[in-house]
N, C-alpha and C. Protein backbone atom coordinates (compact mmCIF):
# COMPACT_ATOMS: atom_id res chain seq x y z
N UNK A 1 -10.56 35.84 51.15
CA UNK A 1 -9.56 35.24 50.31
C UNK A 1 -10.21 34.71 49.03
N UNK A 2 -9.61 35.06 47.90
CA UNK A 2 -10.16 34.62 46.61
C UNK A 2 -9.53 33.29 46.21
N UNK A 3 -10.35 32.47 45.53
CA UNK A 3 -9.82 31.21 44.99
C UNK A 3 -9.20 31.48 43.63
N UNK A 4 -8.08 30.89 43.40
CA UNK A 4 -7.46 31.03 42.08
C UNK A 4 -8.13 30.06 41.12
N UNK A 5 -8.28 30.50 39.88
CA UNK A 5 -8.89 29.62 38.87
C UNK A 5 -7.79 28.81 38.20
N UNK A 6 -7.71 27.57 38.55
CA UNK A 6 -6.71 26.67 37.99
C UNK A 6 -7.25 25.25 38.05
N UNK A 7 -6.65 24.39 37.26
CA UNK A 7 -7.06 22.99 37.27
C UNK A 7 -6.48 22.29 38.50
N UNK A 8 -7.30 21.51 39.12
CA UNK A 8 -6.80 20.71 40.24
C UNK A 8 -6.14 19.46 39.67
N UNK A 9 -5.40 18.79 40.48
CA UNK A 9 -4.73 17.57 40.05
C UNK A 9 -5.74 16.52 39.60
N UNK A 10 -6.85 16.42 40.27
CA UNK A 10 -7.89 15.46 39.90
C UNK A 10 -8.48 15.78 38.53
N UNK A 11 -8.76 17.04 38.27
CA UNK A 11 -9.30 17.43 36.96
C UNK A 11 -8.30 17.14 35.85
N UNK A 12 -7.05 17.40 36.10
CA UNK A 12 -6.01 17.12 35.12
C UNK A 12 -5.90 15.63 34.85
N UNK A 13 -6.00 14.83 35.89
CA UNK A 13 -5.95 13.38 35.74
C UNK A 13 -7.12 12.87 34.90
N UNK A 14 -8.31 13.41 35.12
CA UNK A 14 -9.49 13.01 34.34
C UNK A 14 -9.29 13.34 32.86
N UNK A 15 -8.76 14.52 32.56
CA UNK A 15 -8.51 14.91 31.17
C UNK A 15 -7.50 13.98 30.52
N UNK A 16 -6.44 13.65 31.22
CA UNK A 16 -5.42 12.75 30.67
C UNK A 16 -6.02 11.37 30.42
N UNK A 17 -6.84 10.88 31.33
CA UNK A 17 -7.47 9.56 31.14
C UNK A 17 -8.41 9.57 29.94
N UNK A 18 -9.17 10.62 29.75
CA UNK A 18 -10.07 10.71 28.60
C UNK A 18 -9.26 10.74 27.30
N UNK A 19 -8.21 11.52 27.26
CA UNK A 19 -7.37 11.57 26.05
C UNK A 19 -6.72 10.21 25.77
N UNK A 20 -6.29 9.52 26.81
CA UNK A 20 -5.72 8.19 26.65
C UNK A 20 -6.72 7.20 26.10
N UNK A 21 -7.97 7.26 26.60
CA UNK A 21 -9.01 6.36 26.10
C UNK A 21 -9.32 6.64 24.64
N UNK A 22 -9.39 7.90 24.26
CA UNK A 22 -9.64 8.25 22.86
C UNK A 22 -8.50 7.77 21.95
N UNK A 23 -7.27 7.93 22.42
CA UNK A 23 -6.12 7.47 21.64
C UNK A 23 -6.15 5.95 21.48
N UNK A 24 -6.55 5.23 22.53
CA UNK A 24 -6.63 3.77 22.46
C UNK A 24 -7.68 3.31 21.46
N UNK A 25 -8.69 4.10 21.23
CA UNK A 25 -9.74 3.75 20.27
C UNK A 25 -9.32 4.10 18.85
N UNK A 26 -8.73 5.27 18.68
CA UNK A 26 -8.44 5.78 17.34
C UNK A 26 -7.20 5.17 16.70
N UNK A 27 -6.12 5.00 17.44
CA UNK A 27 -4.86 4.53 16.86
C UNK A 27 -4.96 3.17 16.17
N UNK A 28 -5.58 2.16 16.75
CA UNK A 28 -5.69 0.88 16.02
C UNK A 28 -6.46 1.01 14.71
N UNK A 29 -7.45 1.87 14.67
CA UNK A 29 -8.19 2.06 13.43
C UNK A 29 -7.33 2.71 12.36
N UNK A 30 -6.50 3.66 12.77
CA UNK A 30 -5.61 4.31 11.80
C UNK A 30 -4.60 3.33 11.24
N UNK A 31 -4.04 2.49 12.10
CA UNK A 31 -3.07 1.49 11.65
C UNK A 31 -3.74 0.50 10.71
N UNK A 32 -4.93 0.05 11.04
CA UNK A 32 -5.66 -0.88 10.18
C UNK A 32 -5.99 -0.28 8.83
N UNK A 33 -6.35 0.99 8.81
CA UNK A 33 -6.67 1.65 7.55
C UNK A 33 -5.42 1.78 6.69
N UNK A 34 -4.29 2.01 7.32
CA UNK A 34 -3.03 2.13 6.59
C UNK A 34 -2.66 0.80 5.93
N UNK A 35 -2.79 -0.29 6.66
CA UNK A 35 -2.49 -1.62 6.10
C UNK A 35 -3.43 -1.96 4.96
N UNK A 36 -4.69 -1.64 5.11
CA UNK A 36 -5.67 -1.89 4.06
C UNK A 36 -5.35 -1.09 2.81
N UNK A 37 -4.97 0.16 2.97
CA UNK A 37 -4.62 1.01 1.83
C UNK A 37 -3.39 0.47 1.11
N UNK A 38 -2.41 -0.01 1.86
CA UNK A 38 -1.22 -0.58 1.23
C UNK A 38 -1.57 -1.84 0.44
N UNK A 39 -2.43 -2.69 1.00
CA UNK A 39 -2.83 -3.91 0.29
C UNK A 39 -3.57 -3.58 -1.00
N UNK A 40 -4.46 -2.59 -0.95
CA UNK A 40 -5.20 -2.18 -2.16
C UNK A 40 -4.25 -1.59 -3.20
N UNK A 41 -3.26 -0.83 -2.76
CA UNK A 41 -2.27 -0.26 -3.68
C UNK A 41 -1.50 -1.38 -4.36
N UNK A 42 -1.11 -2.39 -3.61
CA UNK A 42 -0.38 -3.52 -4.18
C UNK A 42 -1.24 -4.24 -5.23
N UNK A 43 -2.51 -4.47 -4.92
CA UNK A 43 -3.42 -5.12 -5.88
C UNK A 43 -3.55 -4.30 -7.15
N UNK A 44 -3.67 -3.00 -7.01
CA UNK A 44 -3.78 -2.12 -8.17
C UNK A 44 -2.51 -2.16 -9.00
N UNK A 45 -1.34 -2.16 -8.35
CA UNK A 45 -0.07 -2.26 -9.07
C UNK A 45 0.00 -3.54 -9.87
N UNK A 46 -0.41 -4.65 -9.27
CA UNK A 46 -0.37 -5.95 -9.96
C UNK A 46 -1.29 -5.92 -11.17
N UNK A 47 -2.49 -5.38 -11.02
CA UNK A 47 -3.42 -5.28 -12.16
C UNK A 47 -2.83 -4.43 -13.28
N UNK A 48 -2.21 -3.31 -12.91
CA UNK A 48 -1.62 -2.42 -13.90
C UNK A 48 -0.46 -3.10 -14.63
N UNK A 49 0.40 -3.78 -13.89
CA UNK A 49 1.53 -4.49 -14.52
C UNK A 49 1.00 -5.56 -15.47
N UNK A 50 -0.01 -6.31 -15.05
CA UNK A 50 -0.57 -7.35 -15.91
C UNK A 50 -1.19 -6.77 -17.18
N UNK A 51 -1.82 -5.62 -17.08
CA UNK A 51 -2.37 -4.97 -18.27
C UNK A 51 -1.25 -4.57 -19.23
N UNK A 52 -0.15 -4.07 -18.69
CA UNK A 52 0.97 -3.67 -19.54
C UNK A 52 1.67 -4.89 -20.15
N UNK A 53 1.69 -6.01 -19.44
CA UNK A 53 2.24 -7.25 -20.00
C UNK A 53 1.39 -7.69 -21.19
N UNK A 54 0.08 -7.60 -21.05
CA UNK A 54 -0.82 -7.94 -22.16
C UNK A 54 -0.59 -7.01 -23.35
N UNK A 55 -0.42 -5.71 -23.07
CA UNK A 55 -0.16 -4.75 -24.14
C UNK A 55 1.18 -5.06 -24.82
N UNK A 56 2.19 -5.39 -24.04
CA UNK A 56 3.49 -5.78 -24.59
C UNK A 56 3.32 -6.97 -25.54
N UNK A 57 2.54 -7.95 -25.10
CA UNK A 57 2.30 -9.13 -25.94
C UNK A 57 1.57 -8.76 -27.23
N UNK A 58 0.58 -7.87 -27.14
CA UNK A 58 -0.15 -7.45 -28.33
C UNK A 58 0.74 -6.68 -29.31
N UNK A 59 1.61 -5.84 -28.78
CA UNK A 59 2.45 -5.01 -29.65
C UNK A 59 3.63 -5.76 -30.25
N UNK A 60 4.21 -6.69 -29.49
CA UNK A 60 5.42 -7.36 -29.96
C UNK A 60 5.15 -8.77 -30.49
N UNK A 61 4.04 -9.34 -30.13
CA UNK A 61 3.75 -10.71 -30.55
C UNK A 61 4.42 -11.77 -29.70
N UNK A 62 5.12 -11.36 -28.66
CA UNK A 62 5.76 -12.33 -27.77
C UNK A 62 5.61 -11.84 -26.33
N UNK A 63 5.81 -12.79 -25.42
CA UNK A 63 5.74 -12.43 -24.00
C UNK A 63 7.10 -11.92 -23.56
N UNK A 64 7.15 -11.07 -22.56
CA UNK A 64 8.45 -10.56 -22.10
C UNK A 64 9.27 -11.66 -21.45
N UNK A 65 10.60 -11.61 -21.66
CA UNK A 65 11.50 -12.60 -21.05
C UNK A 65 11.58 -12.42 -19.55
N UNK A 66 11.54 -11.17 -19.11
CA UNK A 66 11.55 -10.90 -17.68
C UNK A 66 10.71 -9.65 -17.43
N UNK A 67 10.41 -9.42 -16.20
CA UNK A 67 9.52 -8.33 -15.82
C UNK A 67 10.12 -6.96 -16.13
N UNK A 68 11.44 -6.86 -16.09
CA UNK A 68 12.09 -5.58 -16.34
C UNK A 68 11.85 -5.09 -17.77
N UNK A 69 11.64 -6.02 -18.72
CA UNK A 69 11.35 -5.60 -20.09
C UNK A 69 10.12 -4.71 -20.16
N UNK A 70 9.21 -4.90 -19.25
CA UNK A 70 7.97 -4.12 -19.23
C UNK A 70 8.07 -2.97 -18.23
N UNK A 71 8.44 -3.29 -16.99
CA UNK A 71 8.38 -2.28 -15.93
C UNK A 71 9.41 -1.17 -16.08
N UNK A 72 10.55 -1.45 -16.70
CA UNK A 72 11.58 -0.43 -16.85
C UNK A 72 11.53 0.26 -18.21
N UNK A 73 10.52 -0.07 -19.01
CA UNK A 73 10.32 0.56 -20.31
C UNK A 73 9.44 1.79 -20.11
N UNK A 74 9.96 2.97 -20.50
CA UNK A 74 9.20 4.20 -20.26
C UNK A 74 7.95 4.30 -21.13
N UNK A 75 7.85 3.47 -22.17
CA UNK A 75 6.61 3.46 -22.96
C UNK A 75 5.45 2.86 -22.16
N UNK A 76 5.75 1.95 -21.26
CA UNK A 76 4.72 1.31 -20.44
C UNK A 76 4.56 1.99 -19.09
N UNK A 77 5.67 2.40 -18.50
CA UNK A 77 5.65 3.05 -17.18
C UNK A 77 6.53 4.30 -17.22
N UNK A 78 6.00 5.40 -17.73
CA UNK A 78 6.82 6.61 -17.85
C UNK A 78 7.30 7.18 -16.51
N UNK A 79 6.60 6.88 -15.44
CA UNK A 79 6.99 7.38 -14.12
C UNK A 79 7.84 6.39 -13.34
N UNK A 80 8.28 5.35 -13.98
CA UNK A 80 9.09 4.33 -13.31
C UNK A 80 8.25 3.13 -12.91
N UNK A 81 8.91 2.04 -12.59
CA UNK A 81 8.19 0.81 -12.26
C UNK A 81 7.41 0.94 -10.96
N UNK A 82 6.22 0.33 -10.90
CA UNK A 82 5.47 0.33 -9.64
C UNK A 82 6.19 -0.51 -8.59
N UNK A 83 6.09 -0.08 -7.36
CA UNK A 83 6.73 -0.80 -6.26
C UNK A 83 5.69 -1.23 -5.24
N UNK A 84 5.89 -2.41 -4.70
CA UNK A 84 4.99 -2.91 -3.67
C UNK A 84 5.19 -2.06 -2.41
N UNK A 85 4.10 -1.54 -1.83
CA UNK A 85 4.24 -0.72 -0.64
C UNK A 85 4.78 -1.47 0.57
N UNK A 86 4.78 -2.79 0.51
CA UNK A 86 5.31 -3.60 1.60
C UNK A 86 6.79 -3.96 1.38
N UNK A 87 7.34 -3.54 0.22
CA UNK A 87 8.74 -3.78 -0.07
C UNK A 87 9.04 -5.10 -0.76
N UNK A 88 8.03 -5.88 -1.08
CA UNK A 88 8.26 -7.15 -1.77
C UNK A 88 8.45 -6.89 -3.26
N UNK A 89 9.11 -7.81 -3.94
CA UNK A 89 9.34 -7.70 -5.38
C UNK A 89 8.21 -8.41 -6.13
N UNK A 90 7.80 -7.80 -7.23
CA UNK A 90 6.83 -8.45 -8.10
C UNK A 90 7.59 -9.44 -8.98
N UNK A 91 6.99 -10.62 -9.21
CA UNK A 91 7.65 -11.67 -9.97
C UNK A 91 6.78 -12.08 -11.15
N UNK A 92 7.43 -12.31 -12.28
CA UNK A 92 6.75 -12.76 -13.48
C UNK A 92 6.55 -14.27 -13.38
N UNK A 93 5.35 -14.73 -13.66
CA UNK A 93 5.01 -16.14 -13.51
C UNK A 93 4.32 -16.60 -14.79
N UNK A 94 4.73 -17.76 -15.31
CA UNK A 94 4.11 -18.29 -16.52
C UNK A 94 3.23 -19.48 -16.16
N UNK A 95 1.94 -19.32 -16.44
CA UNK A 95 1.00 -20.42 -16.22
C UNK A 95 0.05 -20.47 -17.40
N UNK A 96 -0.18 -21.65 -17.91
CA UNK A 96 -1.13 -21.86 -19.00
C UNK A 96 -0.80 -21.00 -20.21
N UNK A 97 0.49 -20.81 -20.49
CA UNK A 97 0.90 -20.06 -21.66
C UNK A 97 0.82 -18.56 -21.54
N UNK A 98 0.43 -18.06 -20.37
CA UNK A 98 0.34 -16.61 -20.17
C UNK A 98 1.33 -16.18 -19.11
N UNK A 99 1.87 -15.03 -19.32
CA UNK A 99 2.78 -14.45 -18.34
C UNK A 99 2.00 -13.44 -17.50
N UNK A 100 2.06 -13.60 -16.21
CA UNK A 100 1.32 -12.72 -15.30
C UNK A 100 2.14 -12.48 -14.04
N UNK A 101 1.83 -11.41 -13.37
CA UNK A 101 2.35 -11.17 -12.02
C UNK A 101 1.25 -11.66 -11.07
N UNK A 102 1.60 -12.55 -10.20
CA UNK A 102 0.62 -13.12 -9.26
C UNK A 102 0.59 -12.32 -7.98
N UNK A 103 -0.57 -12.34 -7.32
CA UNK A 103 -0.69 -11.67 -6.02
C UNK A 103 0.19 -12.39 -5.01
N UNK A 104 0.76 -11.62 -4.10
CA UNK A 104 1.56 -12.20 -3.04
C UNK A 104 0.97 -11.80 -1.69
N UNK A 105 1.28 -12.58 -0.70
CA UNK A 105 0.70 -12.38 0.63
C UNK A 105 1.47 -11.31 1.41
N UNK A 106 0.72 -10.59 2.19
CA UNK A 106 1.34 -9.56 3.04
C UNK A 106 1.01 -9.85 4.47
């Protein structure tokens, strides 16, 4: 009598356990990397908006009344206003005579 070549239940269980262990290691790292990338994107957006606010001030001689004056102007953002990857709104803040978008917590 010949033995059939097939996986036994024990071998299949070992493979499933190994795949589960690998998934438990990799998935949290992927989620953490995603959150980190979103935070960096938000920081970059804030820096870019602040640079355009400074440019607006240099070109017009005044600070913008609201953030939309800069972000919705195609001269400053031809591809549309930057959006926070976490869904929060950027807010214009006046401190020490300068208008800036401040970092917000995620």
